[in-house]
Structures are given as structure tokens and as C-alpha cells.
N, C-alpha and C. Protein backbone atom coordinates (compact mmCIF):
# COMPACT_ATOMS: atom_id res chain seq x y z
N MET A 1 8.98 53.35 143.86
CA MET A 1 8.82 53.93 142.99
C MET A 1 6.84 54.65 143.19
N LYS A 2 6.58 55.33 143.11
CA LYS A 2 5.14 55.57 143.21
C LYS A 2 4.34 55.89 141.86
N LEU A 3 3.52 55.52 141.96
CA LEU A 3 2.74 55.51 141.00
C LEU A 3 1.52 56.39 141.21
N ARG A 4 1.15 57.65 140.26
CA ARG A 4 -0.27 58.03 140.34
C ARG A 4 -0.99 58.29 139.14
N LEU A 5 -1.99 58.02 138.80
CA LEU A 5 -2.76 58.21 137.67
C LEU A 5 -4.15 59.23 138.12
N ARG A 6 -4.10 59.88 137.35
CA ARG A 6 -5.39 60.96 137.20
C ARG A 6 -5.67 61.36 135.96
N SER A 7 -6.76 61.29 135.37
CA SER A 7 -7.39 61.59 134.43
C SER A 7 -6.16 60.93 133.41
N ASP A 8 -5.93 62.03 132.49
CA ASP A 8 -5.20 61.51 131.74
C ASP A 8 -3.70 61.70 131.98
N SER A 9 -3.08 61.02 133.34
CA SER A 9 -1.94 61.34 133.26
C SER A 9 -1.84 60.57 134.25
N LEU A 10 0.17 60.23 133.76
CA LEU A 10 0.50 58.99 134.60
C LEU A 10 2.21 59.26 135.17
N ARG A 11 1.89 59.64 136.50
CA ARG A 11 3.02 60.22 136.82
C ARG A 11 3.80 58.97 138.05
N LEU A 12 5.11 59.33 137.90
CA LEU A 12 5.81 58.02 138.41
C LEU A 12 7.01 58.66 139.18
N ARG A 13 7.35 58.58 140.78
CA ARG A 13 8.02 59.71 141.44
C ARG A 13 8.99 58.38 141.93
N LEU A 14 10.27 58.46 141.56
CA LEU A 14 11.50 57.61 142.03
C LEU A 14 12.38 58.16 143.52
N ASP A 15 12.25 57.75 144.53
CA ASP A 15 13.53 57.91 145.19
C ASP A 15 14.69 57.70 144.46
N ARG A 16 15.89 58.06 145.26
CA ARG A 16 17.30 57.60 145.46
C ARG A 16 17.37 56.57 145.31
N SER A 17 17.31 55.31 146.04
CA SER A 17 17.41 54.12 145.38
C SER A 17 17.02 53.30 144.09
N ASP A 18 15.63 54.19 143.73
CA ASP A 18 15.25 53.69 142.60
C ASP A 18 15.69 54.28 141.27
N VAL A 19 16.04 55.37 141.08
CA VAL A 19 16.83 56.31 140.36
C VAL A 19 18.12 55.51 139.85
N ALA A 20 19.18 54.95 141.29
CA ALA A 20 20.27 54.50 141.30
C ALA A 20 19.82 53.09 140.34
N GLY A 21 18.91 52.23 141.07
CA GLY A 21 18.48 50.98 140.41
C GLY A 21 18.46 50.97 138.78
N LEU A 22 17.40 51.98 138.48
CA LEU A 22 16.97 52.04 137.35
C LEU A 22 18.32 52.25 136.06
N ILE A 23 19.18 53.16 136.93
CA ILE A 23 20.27 53.28 135.99
C ILE A 23 21.54 52.26 135.77
N ARG A 24 21.61 51.68 137.08
CA ARG A 24 22.34 50.02 137.00
C ARG A 24 21.58 49.38 136.26
N THR A 25 20.38 49.32 136.47
CA THR A 25 19.78 47.76 135.91
C THR A 25 19.01 47.94 134.54
N GLY A 26 18.58 49.17 134.01
CA GLY A 26 18.26 49.34 133.17
C GLY A 26 16.47 49.04 133.30
N ARG A 27 15.94 48.94 134.41
CA ARG A 27 14.76 48.45 134.64
C ARG A 27 14.28 48.62 135.74
N LEU A 28 13.18 49.09 136.35
CA LEU A 28 12.52 49.41 137.77
C LEU A 28 11.34 48.92 137.62
N ASP A 29 10.51 47.49 138.62
CA ASP A 29 9.61 47.30 138.26
C ASP A 29 8.74 47.37 140.24
N GLU A 30 7.53 47.52 139.84
CA GLU A 30 6.70 47.21 141.43
C GLU A 30 5.17 46.58 141.09
N ALA A 31 4.74 46.42 142.04
CA ALA A 31 3.25 46.16 141.64
C ALA A 31 2.38 46.29 142.86
N VAL A 32 1.18 46.06 142.65
CA VAL A 32 0.17 46.23 143.63
C VAL A 32 -0.46 45.47 143.45
N ALA A 33 -0.99 44.85 144.69
CA ALA A 33 -2.17 43.76 144.73
C ALA A 33 -3.54 44.49 144.55
N LEU A 34 -4.42 44.19 143.44
CA LEU A 34 -5.51 44.96 143.83
C LEU A 34 -6.69 43.91 143.82
N GLY A 35 -6.27 42.49 144.26
CA GLY A 35 -7.68 42.00 144.85
C GLY A 35 -6.27 40.73 145.55
N ALA A 36 -6.94 39.42 146.05
CA ALA A 36 -6.60 38.34 146.67
C ALA A 36 -5.58 37.55 145.71
N LEU A 37 -6.15 37.47 144.27
CA LEU A 37 -5.71 36.17 143.34
C LEU A 37 -3.89 36.92 142.74
N PRO A 38 -3.01 36.13 142.40
CA PRO A 38 -2.22 36.66 141.77
C PRO A 38 -2.33 37.72 140.50
N ALA A 39 -3.57 36.73 140.03
CA ALA A 39 -3.90 37.43 138.39
C ALA A 39 -4.01 38.87 138.74
N GLU A 40 -4.53 39.61 140.31
CA GLU A 40 -5.38 40.74 140.14
C GLU A 40 -3.86 41.61 140.23
N ARG A 41 -3.09 41.67 140.02
CA ARG A 41 -1.79 42.26 140.58
C ARG A 41 -1.55 43.60 139.02
N LEU A 42 -1.39 44.39 139.92
CA LEU A 42 -0.87 45.65 138.59
C LEU A 42 0.49 45.55 138.96
N VAL A 43 1.10 45.35 137.30
CA VAL A 43 2.84 45.49 137.47
C VAL A 43 2.98 47.28 136.61
N TYR A 44 3.65 47.95 137.13
CA TYR A 44 4.21 49.15 136.47
C TYR A 44 5.66 49.05 136.38
N SER A 45 6.08 49.18 135.34
CA SER A 45 7.67 49.45 135.14
C SER A 45 8.57 50.72 134.70
N ILE A 46 9.67 50.91 134.48
CA ILE A 46 10.31 51.76 133.57
C ILE A 46 11.07 51.07 133.08
N ARG A 47 11.56 50.83 131.84
CA ARG A 47 12.39 50.10 130.94
C ARG A 47 13.26 51.04 129.84
N LEU A 48 14.76 51.41 130.42
CA LEU A 48 15.15 52.19 129.65
C LEU A 48 15.71 51.43 128.02
N VAL A 49 15.70 52.33 127.08
CA VAL A 49 16.08 51.73 125.94
C VAL A 49 16.81 52.45 125.24
N PRO A 50 17.62 52.29 123.88
CA PRO A 50 18.80 53.15 123.20
C PRO A 50 17.97 54.13 122.67
N GLY A 51 18.59 55.49 122.47
CA GLY A 51 18.27 56.40 121.40
C GLY A 51 17.38 57.47 122.25
N GLY A 52 17.08 58.49 121.64
CA GLY A 52 16.79 59.79 122.11
C GLY A 52 15.65 59.68 122.35
N LEU A 53 14.49 58.90 122.36
CA LEU A 53 12.86 58.98 122.08
C LEU A 53 12.08 59.75 123.31
N GLN A 54 11.59 60.10 123.59
CA GLN A 54 10.13 60.72 124.36
C GLN A 54 9.74 59.46 124.79
N PRO A 55 9.72 59.48 126.31
CA PRO A 55 8.94 58.81 126.88
C PRO A 55 7.68 57.98 126.29
N SER A 56 7.66 56.61 126.43
CA SER A 56 5.69 56.19 125.89
C SER A 56 5.68 55.03 126.66
N THR A 57 4.29 54.70 126.57
CA THR A 57 3.66 53.72 127.71
C THR A 57 2.95 52.50 126.77
N SER A 58 3.50 51.50 127.09
CA SER A 58 2.32 50.52 126.87
C SER A 58 2.19 49.40 127.96
N PHE A 59 0.31 49.14 127.64
CA PHE A 59 -0.03 48.46 128.56
C PHE A 59 -0.96 46.96 128.01
N ALA A 60 -0.28 45.76 128.69
CA ALA A 60 -0.80 44.71 128.50
C ALA A 60 -0.37 43.48 129.57
N ASP A 61 -1.73 42.77 129.74
CA ASP A 61 -1.26 41.46 130.94
C ASP A 61 -1.59 42.25 131.94
N HIS A 62 -1.91 43.49 132.37
CA HIS A 62 -2.06 43.34 133.46
C HIS A 62 -0.75 44.74 134.32
N GLN A 63 0.18 44.74 132.80
CA GLN A 63 1.05 45.18 133.65
C GLN A 63 1.42 46.73 132.46
N ILE A 64 1.76 48.10 133.35
CA ILE A 64 1.93 49.59 132.59
C ILE A 64 3.72 49.38 132.35
N VAL A 65 3.87 49.55 130.97
CA VAL A 65 5.50 49.64 131.10
C VAL A 65 5.48 51.15 130.41
N VAL A 66 6.41 51.77 130.78
CA VAL A 66 7.21 52.99 130.46
C VAL A 66 8.32 52.93 129.75
N GLU A 67 8.35 53.44 128.92
CA GLU A 67 9.67 53.16 127.94
C GLU A 67 10.22 54.42 127.98
N LEU A 68 11.73 54.83 128.65
CA LEU A 68 12.34 55.98 128.53
C LEU A 68 14.13 56.15 127.96
N SER A 69 14.18 56.70 127.12
CA SER A 69 15.22 56.84 126.91
C SER A 69 16.72 56.92 127.72
N GLU A 70 17.58 55.87 127.25
CA GLU A 70 18.34 55.68 128.34
C GLU A 70 19.64 57.20 128.73
N THR A 71 19.39 57.93 127.69
CA THR A 71 20.51 58.99 127.75
C THR A 71 19.74 60.05 128.21
N SER A 72 18.29 60.52 128.25
CA SER A 72 17.84 61.11 128.81
C SER A 72 17.44 60.70 130.30
N ALA A 73 17.46 59.73 130.56
CA ALA A 73 17.33 58.48 132.06
C ALA A 73 18.78 59.19 132.67
N ARG A 74 19.95 59.17 131.98
CA ARG A 74 21.37 59.16 132.38
C ARG A 74 21.49 60.55 132.90
N GLU A 75 20.95 61.74 132.18
CA GLU A 75 21.38 62.93 132.58
C GLU A 75 20.09 63.21 133.72
N TRP A 76 18.72 63.35 133.30
CA TRP A 76 18.00 63.44 134.57
C TRP A 76 18.73 63.21 135.78
N ALA A 77 19.13 61.85 135.84
CA ALA A 77 19.78 61.42 137.23
C ALA A 77 20.85 61.78 138.27
N GLY A 78 21.75 62.63 136.93
CA GLY A 78 22.72 62.98 137.72
C GLY A 78 22.52 64.60 137.67
N GLY A 79 21.65 65.38 136.98
CA GLY A 79 21.54 66.04 137.03
C GLY A 79 20.42 66.94 138.06
N SER A 80 19.86 68.48 137.95
CA SER A 80 19.41 69.09 139.04
C SER A 80 17.59 68.86 138.30
N GLU A 81 17.42 68.70 137.26
CA GLU A 81 15.80 68.68 136.40
C GLU A 81 15.31 67.74 138.06
N VAL A 82 14.03 68.14 137.59
CA VAL A 82 13.28 67.64 138.67
C VAL A 82 12.58 66.08 137.93
N GLY A 83 12.22 66.31 136.63
CA GLY A 83 11.52 65.10 136.17
C GLY A 83 11.97 65.34 134.43
N ILE A 84 11.11 64.26 133.75
CA ILE A 84 11.24 64.33 132.09
C ILE A 84 9.68 64.18 131.84
N TYR A 85 9.08 64.96 131.11
CA TYR A 85 7.88 64.94 130.69
C TYR A 85 7.21 64.61 129.08
N SER A 86 6.50 63.80 128.93
CA SER A 86 5.80 64.02 127.43
C SER A 86 4.62 64.02 127.37
N ASP A 87 4.15 64.31 126.41
CA ASP A 87 2.53 64.08 125.93
C ASP A 87 2.97 63.06 124.64
N THR A 88 1.49 62.06 124.92
CA THR A 88 1.54 61.09 123.66
C THR A 88 0.46 61.72 122.66
N THR A 89 0.62 60.96 121.71
CA THR A 89 -0.24 61.36 120.73
C THR A 89 -2.11 61.34 120.89
N TRP A 90 -2.29 60.26 121.77
CA TRP A 90 -3.77 60.17 122.33
C TRP A 90 -4.08 61.01 123.40
N GLY A 91 -3.03 61.54 123.90
CA GLY A 91 -3.41 62.23 124.97
C GLY A 91 -2.89 62.16 126.46
N LEU A 92 -1.98 61.39 126.73
CA LEU A 92 -1.82 60.83 127.95
C LEU A 92 -0.35 61.69 128.09
N ARG A 93 -0.17 62.44 129.49
CA ARG A 93 0.83 63.05 129.88
C ARG A 93 1.25 62.23 130.55
N ILE A 94 2.29 62.16 130.44
CA ILE A 94 3.56 61.15 130.99
C ILE A 94 4.71 61.70 132.07
N ALA A 95 4.88 61.75 133.28
CA ALA A 95 5.64 62.42 134.00
C ALA A 95 6.46 61.27 135.22
N ILE A 96 8.01 61.55 134.62
CA ILE A 96 8.77 60.72 135.79
C ILE A 96 9.42 61.64 136.20
N GLU A 97 9.38 61.40 137.64
CA GLU A 97 10.14 62.81 138.57
C GLU A 97 10.43 62.05 139.85
N LYS A 98 11.61 63.21 140.34
CA LYS A 98 12.38 62.21 141.40
C LYS A 98 11.62 62.68 142.56
N ASP A 99 11.48 62.07 143.49
CA ASP A 99 10.69 62.17 144.72
C ASP A 99 11.42 62.92 146.00
N PHE A 100 10.80 64.04 146.15
CA PHE A 100 11.38 64.89 147.20
C PHE A 100 10.92 64.47 148.59
N LYS A 101 11.39 65.12 149.37
CA LYS A 101 11.19 64.78 150.78
C LYS A 101 9.75 65.66 150.90
N CYS A 102 9.45 65.39 151.97
CA CYS A 102 7.77 65.77 151.87
C CYS A 102 7.81 67.15 152.93
N LEU A 103 7.28 68.51 152.14
CA LEU A 103 7.22 69.45 153.00
C LEU A 103 6.54 69.67 154.47
N GLU A 104 5.85 68.64 154.78
CA GLU A 104 5.04 68.43 156.39
C GLU A 104 6.11 67.17 156.24
N ASN A 105 6.17 66.92 157.80
CA ASN A 105 6.67 65.95 158.33
C ASN A 105 5.42 64.92 158.47
N ARG A 106 5.32 63.64 157.91
CA ARG A 106 4.39 62.61 157.91
C ARG A 106 4.71 61.40 158.58
N THR A 107 4.23 60.64 159.33
CA THR A 107 4.27 60.12 160.37
C THR A 107 4.31 58.67 159.89
N HIS A 108 3.27 58.67 158.80
CA HIS A 108 2.85 57.23 157.97
C HIS A 108 3.68 57.01 156.89
N GLU A 109 4.58 58.40 156.48
CA GLU A 109 5.45 57.90 155.08
C GLU A 109 7.19 57.77 155.80
N ASP A 110 7.38 57.22 155.18
CA ASP A 110 8.98 56.80 154.94
C ASP A 110 9.81 57.50 154.20
N ASP A 111 10.16 59.03 154.15
CA ASP A 111 10.87 59.67 152.91
C ASP A 111 12.46 60.18 153.24
N SER A 112 13.15 58.68 154.10
CA SER A 112 14.39 58.98 154.16
C SER A 112 15.09 58.99 152.86
N ASP A 113 14.65 58.11 152.03
CA ASP A 113 15.67 58.06 150.62
C ASP A 113 15.30 58.99 149.91
N ALA A 114 14.33 59.69 150.11
CA ALA A 114 13.72 60.71 149.00
C ALA A 114 14.99 61.77 148.80
N PHE A 115 14.97 62.62 148.15
CA PHE A 115 15.92 63.44 147.34
C PHE A 115 15.51 64.88 148.30
N GLU A 116 16.39 65.91 148.24
CA GLU A 116 16.43 66.77 149.29
C GLU A 116 15.50 67.69 148.42
N HIS A 117 14.52 68.52 149.14
CA HIS A 117 13.63 69.20 148.44
C HIS A 117 14.58 70.36 147.59
N PRO A 118 14.09 70.54 146.76
CA PRO A 118 15.15 71.65 145.77
C PRO A 118 15.32 73.33 146.21
N GLY A 119 14.09 73.68 147.12
CA GLY A 119 14.41 74.77 147.74
C GLY A 119 15.10 75.13 149.05
N GLY A 120 15.97 73.51 149.49
CA GLY A 120 16.54 73.27 150.69
C GLY A 120 15.58 73.37 152.28
N PRO A 121 16.28 72.55 153.02
CA PRO A 121 15.52 72.97 154.33
C PRO A 121 14.95 73.83 154.83
N ALA A 122 15.28 75.22 154.51
CA ALA A 122 14.12 76.21 154.79
C ALA A 122 13.26 76.27 154.16
N HIS A 123 12.84 75.90 152.97
CA HIS A 123 11.41 75.81 152.43
C HIS A 123 10.68 74.70 153.09
N CYS A 124 11.27 73.75 154.04
CA CYS A 124 10.40 72.78 154.60
C CYS A 124 9.91 72.78 155.91
N LEU A 125 8.94 72.24 156.20
CA LEU A 125 7.95 72.56 157.03
C LEU A 125 8.54 71.50 157.93
N ARG A 126 8.90 71.79 159.40
CA ARG A 126 9.09 70.72 160.25
C ARG A 126 8.64 70.43 161.36
């Protein structure tokens, strides 16, 4: 799972294994070490919750948690939609998206588990 923070937006991009694991277990967790100490880790998670609520976030103890409706997640995972999007009342834009193969071949990034580009191989530069 990739995390992108930019201004007032939070974007999570999930590859095939991430989506399958989220649907199977109801949660997906990742972390990034921002310093040498264990307390200097940022954890980011998606958790599936019952009901049809819009995605929401919370932040405590160095952890970002995005809650997503289990129903919405299952429909998204099995469908052709690219993402699930929501705006919070305080102005944060949330995007949870399928991670597609890069349009340009990048040697430093493995996208073998990424979703096929929606436009098909003809739209990809190789």
C-alpha cells in the first residue's frame, strides 16, 4: 500500500495483494520509519467497518487509520471502479485507489502486482 500526503489530501493506493488481503482480513497495515527509534514510525492502516459510511480518518499515537465501509470495499474490489473518494467536514480529501502499472517503465519500482492500466497495454509506454 502506498501513502501519499499532499496539502489537504490523503491518498492510499493498493495493489492486487493489498486489495485481496484487505477483503480477506478486514484490515491492512503499513509503516514507515521516520527515524532510528521504534517510536519514530508512522503507521497507516485501512480498516473495514460495517455499514455504508463514507471513508473517515483518525490520527493518534503516530497512526493514521482510514475506516472504510465493508460493503463499499467489496464492491470496489470486485468492480472496475478506480477508487473510493470522500471529503471530510474539516477539508481533508480521502482517496483509496487501485494501484495501476506505470505508464513508463521504471527500473526502481516493481509494479508486477499492480492492476492493469484501465486503457490496456496500448495506452502504456514501454
